[in-house]
Amino acid sequence: MAISLSWISPCLSHKLNLPHSNCLPRNTATSSTSTVFCALETTPGGESHCQRRPLLLGIGALTANLQPTNLVFAQEKSDRCRVFLDYEDGYSYIYPIDWKEFDFRALDSAFKDRYLQLQNVRVKSIPTEKKDIRDLGPMEEVIYNLVKHIYAAPNQRPTIKDMQEKTIDGKHYYTFEYILTSPNYSSASFATIAIGNGRYYTLIVGANERRWKRFRDQLKVVADSFRLLDI
């Protein structure tokens, strides 16, 4: 499935939010426009500007690489999500069109529901000398250590529900579902981790556990859409 790029300007930002036809449902209708939003960056003097560089990847490629079950789910939805492309850090993913961008603890990118603040997606990357996610060790061991020792706070009980490994265009990804239970609160999330471009990437998309049953399948589409770009 390809999407026409005829409306895109020859010069685009290294970080792009592009309309995408495969998306997640919302209870309230949201109009979709063919608009390219470039990420604003702030100079030391406080002046905002938009850095531009050529578009390198057709957005149809992201759609084509979705897992079959999630692609079928996504194709049933109307135009309510965007593709986020970051050519500087080398990754892309989709997110609901009516989520808004936010800054949180030096994340590479993050978007959250306008009304449900705890329903969000966030991506972070750190330098690594590893070449592939498999270099970290067996999937079960890597995920267990992450959830138990990194993601869970001391007062939280972690539960891992599912683990998946996938290979797309020779790149390997681990995607897993987990729940963090506190005495007064529980959250559920999907995470996708991968290594490439000399960086270790983590995408986490989650919600309050009370809403998880309703939105789980939709948020899984976001987790499965994460792709490494060659930079």
Protein backbone atom coordinates (compact mmCIF):
# COMPACT_ATOMS: atom_id res chain seq x y z
CA MET A 1 0.00 0.00 0.00
CA ALA A 2 1.53 3.28 -1.10
CA ILE A 3 0.55 6.85 -0.30
CA SER A 4 1.05 9.62 -2.80
CA LEU A 5 3.82 12.06 -1.94
CA SER A 6 2.85 14.59 -4.61
CA TRP A 7 1.83 17.20 -2.02
CA ILE A 8 5.13 17.11 -0.16
CA SER A 9 7.58 19.96 -0.63
CA PRO A 10 11.04 18.96 -1.97
CA CYS A 11 12.64 20.18 1.28
CA LEU A 12 11.33 18.85 4.58
CA SER A 13 12.38 18.80 8.22
CA HIS A 14 14.57 16.03 9.58
CA LYS A 15 11.68 15.41 11.98
CA LEU A 16 8.30 15.14 10.25
CA ASN A 17 4.71 14.53 11.31
CA LEU A 18 2.95 13.24 8.21
CA PRO A 19 -0.73 12.29 7.75
CA HIS A 20 -1.14 8.53 7.46
CA SER A 21 -4.18 6.54 6.34
CA ASN A 22 -3.62 3.68 8.78
CA CYS A 23 -4.56 4.91 12.20
CA LEU A 24 -6.24 4.53 15.54
CA PRO A 25 -9.87 5.25 16.35
CA ARG A 26 -11.13 8.12 18.45
CA ASN A 27 -14.64 8.68 19.77
CA THR A 28 -14.68 12.25 18.47
CA ALA A 29 -14.16 12.98 14.78
CA THR A 30 -10.96 14.72 13.80
CA SER A 31 -10.34 16.14 10.35
CA SER A 32 -7.15 15.18 8.53
CA THR A 33 -5.28 17.60 6.28
CA SER A 34 -2.32 17.07 4.02
CA THR A 35 -0.03 19.28 6.05
CA VAL A 36 3.61 18.73 6.88
CA PHE A 37 4.56 19.86 10.36
CA CYS A 38 8.25 20.45 10.91
CA ALA A 39 9.67 20.16 14.40
CA LEU A 40 10.62 23.48 15.96
CA GLU A 41 14.01 23.75 17.59
CA THR A 42 15.07 26.47 19.98
CA THR A 43 18.39 28.23 19.68
CA PRO A 44 20.41 29.23 22.76
CA GLY A 45 18.96 32.74 22.37
CA GLY A 46 15.43 31.39 22.53
CA GLU A 47 14.60 31.79 18.84
CA SER A 48 12.67 28.93 17.30
CA HIS A 49 13.43 27.72 13.81
CA CYS A 50 12.86 24.75 11.55
CA GLN A 51 15.81 22.88 10.07
CA ARG A 52 15.13 21.25 6.74
CA ARG A 53 16.63 18.43 4.76
CA PRO A 54 15.39 16.33 1.80
CA LEU A 55 12.77 13.62 2.26
CA LEU A 56 14.53 10.25 2.03
CA LEU A 57 11.80 7.64 2.55
CA GLY A 58 8.31 7.20 1.12
CA ILE A 59 5.72 6.85 3.87
CA GLY A 60 4.11 3.92 2.06
CA ALA A 61 7.09 1.79 3.08
CA LEU A 62 6.10 2.05 6.71
CA THR A 63 2.62 0.75 5.94
CA ALA A 64 3.90 -2.14 3.90
CA ASN A 65 6.01 -3.44 6.78
CA LEU A 66 3.28 -3.63 9.40
CA GLN A 67 2.51 -7.14 10.58
CA PRO A 68 -0.44 -8.62 8.61
CA THR A 69 -2.90 -8.71 11.54
CA ASN A 70 -2.17 -5.14 12.55
CA LEU A 71 -2.24 -3.95 8.95
CA VAL A 72 -5.75 -5.36 8.52
CA PHE A 73 -6.82 -3.63 11.74
CA ALA A 74 -5.24 -0.35 10.67
CA GLN A 75 -6.79 -0.39 7.20
CA GLU A 76 -10.27 -0.51 8.71
CA LYS A 77 -9.75 2.92 10.33
CA SER A 78 -10.23 6.37 8.83
CA ASP A 79 -7.58 9.06 8.41
CA ARG A 80 -6.74 9.77 12.02
CA CYS A 81 -3.06 9.22 12.54
CA ARG A 82 0.33 10.54 11.51
CA VAL A 83 3.74 9.17 10.73
CA PHE A 84 6.61 10.59 12.76
CA LEU A 85 9.90 10.44 10.84
CA ASP A 86 13.20 11.38 12.46
CA TYR A 87 16.04 11.26 9.95
CA GLU A 88 18.55 12.68 12.40
CA ASP A 89 18.12 9.92 14.99
CA GLY A 90 17.05 7.28 12.46
CA TYR A 91 13.57 5.99 13.30
CA SER A 92 9.86 6.29 12.51
CA TYR A 93 6.47 5.26 13.91
CA ILE A 94 2.78 6.15 13.71
CA TYR A 95 0.62 7.78 16.39
CA PRO A 96 -2.99 9.09 16.64
CA ILE A 97 -3.45 12.35 14.78
CA ASP A 98 -5.12 14.14 17.70
CA TRP A 99 -2.34 13.38 20.18
CA LYS A 100 -0.11 16.34 20.99
CA GLU A 101 3.65 16.52 21.33
CA PHE A 102 5.19 16.93 24.77
CA ASP A 103 8.65 17.08 26.36
CA PHE A 104 9.52 14.65 29.13
CA ARG A 105 12.93 13.84 30.58
CA ALA A 106 14.94 14.42 27.42
CA LEU A 107 13.00 12.00 25.24
CA ASP A 108 13.74 11.97 21.52
CA SER A 109 10.01 12.28 20.79
CA ALA A 110 6.73 11.89 22.67
CA PHE A 111 3.01 12.35 22.03
CA LYS A 112 0.05 12.05 24.40
CA ASP A 113 -3.73 12.01 24.22
CA ARG A 114 -5.13 15.52 24.59
CA TYR A 115 -7.58 14.38 27.26
CA LEU A 116 -6.05 11.21 28.73
CA GLN A 117 -2.58 12.34 29.79
CA LEU A 118 -1.40 8.86 30.78
CA GLN A 119 -2.21 7.46 27.33
CA ASN A 120 0.93 8.26 25.36
CA VAL A 121 3.85 7.12 23.24
CA ARG A 122 7.47 8.05 23.89
CA VAL A 123 10.78 7.21 22.26
CA LYS A 124 14.29 7.46 23.63
CA SER A 125 17.65 6.40 22.22
CA ILE A 126 21.13 6.15 23.72
CA PRO A 127 24.52 5.45 22.14
CA THR A 128 25.72 1.84 22.10
CA GLU A 129 28.56 -0.17 20.66
CA LYS A 130 26.20 -3.08 20.02
CA LYS A 131 25.16 -3.71 16.41
CA ASP A 132 21.92 -5.63 16.90
CA ILE A 133 19.31 -6.13 19.62
CA ARG A 134 20.26 -9.82 19.69
CA ASP A 135 23.71 -8.81 20.91
CA LEU A 136 22.14 -8.06 24.31
CA GLY A 137 21.28 -11.71 24.84
CA PRO A 138 18.26 -14.03 24.63
CA MET A 139 14.97 -12.16 24.20
CA GLU A 140 13.35 -13.56 27.37
CA GLU A 141 16.34 -12.63 29.52
CA VAL A 142 16.68 -9.13 28.05
CA ILE A 143 13.00 -8.29 28.46
CA TYR A 144 12.77 -9.71 31.98
CA ASN A 145 15.73 -7.64 33.16
CA LEU A 146 14.37 -4.49 31.51
CA VAL A 147 10.90 -4.72 32.99
CA LYS A 148 11.96 -5.86 36.46
CA HIS A 149 15.04 -3.69 36.99
CA ILE A 150 14.60 -0.66 34.68
CA TYR A 151 10.92 -0.02 34.02
CA ALA A 152 9.47 -1.01 37.40
CA ALA A 153 9.82 1.26 40.41
CA PRO A 154 10.64 -0.30 43.81
CA ASN A 155 6.97 -0.19 44.85
CA GLN A 156 5.68 -1.72 41.60
CA ARG A 157 5.06 -5.37 40.79
CA PRO A 158 5.92 -6.12 37.13
CA THR A 159 4.04 -8.66 35.02
CA ILE A 160 5.15 -9.59 31.50
CA LYS A 161 2.23 -10.70 29.35
CA ASP A 162 3.74 -11.37 25.93
CA MET A 163 7.02 -11.24 24.00
CA GLN A 164 7.59 -11.17 20.24
CA GLU A 165 10.64 -10.99 18.01
CA LYS A 166 10.33 -9.79 14.43
CA THR A 167 12.76 -9.22 11.58
CA ILE A 168 12.02 -6.54 8.98
CA ASP A 169 14.47 -5.68 6.20
CA GLY A 170 17.22 -7.49 8.08
CA LYS A 171 16.65 -5.47 11.30
CA HIS A 172 15.53 -7.18 14.50
CA TYR A 173 12.98 -5.89 17.00
CA TYR A 174 11.70 -7.11 20.37
CA THR A 175 8.12 -6.10 21.23
CA PHE A 176 6.54 -7.00 24.57
CA GLU A 177 3.53 -6.24 26.76
CA TYR A 178 3.86 -5.61 30.47
CA ILE A 179 1.88 -4.34 33.46
CA LEU A 180 3.25 -2.38 36.42
CA THR A 181 1.08 -2.68 39.52
CA SER A 182 1.38 -0.27 42.43
CA PRO A 183 -0.62 -0.28 45.67
CA ASN A 184 -2.96 2.42 44.31
CA TYR A 185 -2.39 2.39 40.58
CA SER A 186 -1.59 0.12 37.64
CA SER A 187 -0.46 0.86 34.09
CA ALA A 188 -0.08 -1.34 31.02
CA SER A 189 2.26 -0.81 28.09
CA PHE A 190 3.78 -2.18 24.95
CA ALA A 191 7.47 -1.61 24.33
CA THR A 192 9.53 -2.10 21.19
CA ILE A 193 13.31 -2.12 21.44
CA ALA A 194 15.90 -2.23 18.66
CA ILE A 195 19.54 -1.39 17.94
CA GLY A 196 20.89 0.32 14.83
CA ASN A 197 22.82 3.39 13.70
CA GLY A 198 25.01 3.04 16.78
CA ARG A 199 22.01 3.64 19.06
CA TYR A 200 19.74 1.60 21.33
CA TYR A 201 16.09 2.62 20.79
CA THR A 202 13.09 2.18 23.08
CA LEU A 203 9.49 2.98 22.16
CA ILE A 204 6.88 2.66 24.91
CA VAL A 205 3.15 3.20 24.35
CA GLY A 206 0.78 2.74 27.25
CA ALA A 207 -2.33 3.64 29.21
CA ASN A 208 -3.99 3.30 32.57
CA GLU A 209 -4.70 -0.41 33.10
CA ARG A 210 -8.38 0.43 33.57
CA ARG A 211 -8.51 1.59 29.93
CA TRP A 212 -6.10 -1.02 28.60
CA LYS A 213 -8.69 -3.59 27.57
CA ARG A 214 -10.44 -1.01 25.41
CA PHE A 215 -7.36 0.46 23.71
CA ARG A 216 -4.89 -2.43 23.79
CA ASP A 217 -5.20 -3.49 20.15
CA GLN A 218 -4.99 0.09 18.89
CA LEU A 219 -1.86 0.84 20.91
CA LYS A 220 -0.28 -2.40 19.71
CA VAL A 221 -0.41 -0.94 16.18
CA VAL A 222 1.74 1.96 17.38
CA ALA A 223 4.28 -0.39 18.99
CA ASP A 224 4.47 -2.58 15.88
CA SER A 225 4.94 0.43 13.58
CA PHE A 226 8.37 1.37 14.97
CA ARG A 227 11.06 1.16 12.28
CA LEU A 228 14.77 1.90 12.15
CA LEU A 229 15.90 4.14 9.29
CA ASP A 230 19.29 3.91 7.62
CA ILE A 231 21.18 7.12 8.29
